[in-house]
Amino acid sequence: MTESEGGLFIARRRSFVPATTEERLIQGLQYGLRPLAMTVAHNTTTDDPRNLRFQRIVWNYCLPKAKRVAVDAFVTQRLEEFSQEIDDLLSEADKSGNPAEQSVFGVGLYHFEDDPTDVGS
């Protein structure tokens, strides 16, 4: 975000990382779990395979712990690049201006680890 000479704030990106734990929880529920649940619900209620929304999970049960940092860095970099490409595409696509022809469309990206010691109580 930048501030113009006239004092207006101009968004340079349409995404952000919340600063506090509470804000990250709210964002995760609103923009992470909810859209995923909506996609799962849609995909389980449609009878037409051509109407399915893209939904994939990729994981490895046997990733050596010594490789975790390198894989995490690689995945984070690639997902950041891809999310910026999608954001640029969606930014260009939303210039129609006619509200009657607009709809919500998004892509959710995250990485996960199944580590019970990772979440504090």
Foldseek 3Di string as FASTA:
>chain_A
DDADPVGDDDDPFPDDQDDDPVVNVVCCVPVNVVVVVVLVVQQVPDPDPVPHDDDDDDDDPDPPPVCVVVVVVVLVVVVVVVQVVVRVVVVVVPPPPDVVPDDDDDDDDDDDDPDPVPDDD
